[in-house]
Amino acid sequence: MNVAPPGDGNSAAAASPPGNVAIGESGLAAGRPETPRANRRRLRWAWTVLAIVVIGVGGFAVSHSEFLDVDDVQITGLSTEAGTGLSKPELIEAAAVMIGSPMLTVDIDGIAERLIALPWVAEVTVSRRWPSSVELWIRQRVAVANAVDRSASVALLDAEGTVLEHRGEQVVGIPVIRVDQLGRPGTRMTGLAPLLLAVEALTPELFPWVVALVPTADGVIAELVGGVEAFLGFGQDYHDEFRSLEAVLRRVELACIVEVDVSLHSSPVVRRDDLRCG
């Protein structure tokens, strides 16, 4: 049997020469103690990790404590002209902000989405007011007309024709327009542009004389008190037509009039009925 001589390079592991120390992968001598510098570095890391844990736990505890809970909901920008629109309690209910919930978990986007879905709400901003309030800034739409359909049902419309709500009776102080059919709350009724322009142009002086504004194939008719009809036609903005109508009503006795045509506002035409004058 052949035996490889000591120190032969074909052996699996060569023996270390006497007096030499084996060096590990770390480059440190096996069994050598760590230096004070390494100890300090390891201690700093330990304190850093501990501080992060303490801060995280403390922050979570504070954010979920009563100190940073929602205590109230504040509403600004609210308008309820002519006794219409949504009240503060109705808006707070729709916002569904949970009193007592942590401020950090308040779903700002969800609250805004719920409010903007309301037909009355035109614009909304939701904000946290630290430490314990949620603020709702709301701009409501303004009702400008009572829309009355063929069955005498009533809905309130804004200046763009948005159906704000259905009502059991008309709101006093705003004009009446006649329509074939009412839309659902939140929808916008089409084909009402001339009527809504006439609503906007109607003056406070003429308002008591106008029973309703009615759409026709030839434009807008104003139904006046006493059964008189005033043909306004298709005005650019109806300001000239209403000024002409005011001038006519100042000169003639309304009881004797059947029709007034102010579609050509510079040359109004009046049709009288002497029998009605008595």
Foldseek 3Di string as FASTA:
>chain_A
DDDDDQPDPVDPDHDDDPPDFDADPVRDGPPDDDDVVVVVVVVVVVVVVVVVVVVVVVVVPVQLDQQQWAAEEAEPQDDQPLNHDDDPVVLCVQLPFDGGGGPVPTPQVSSQVSNCQQLQFDDWGWDDDPRHYIYIYTHTFDFAEWEQAPVRWTFTAGLQQATRDTDPDDRPDHAYEYDHDDDHHGDHDPPCNLVSLLRVQDDPVCVQQFNYWYQDPQGIWTQGPPRAIEAQGRDPRSNLLVVLVVVVPVPDPPQFWRYWYCVVVVDIDTDGHVVSVD
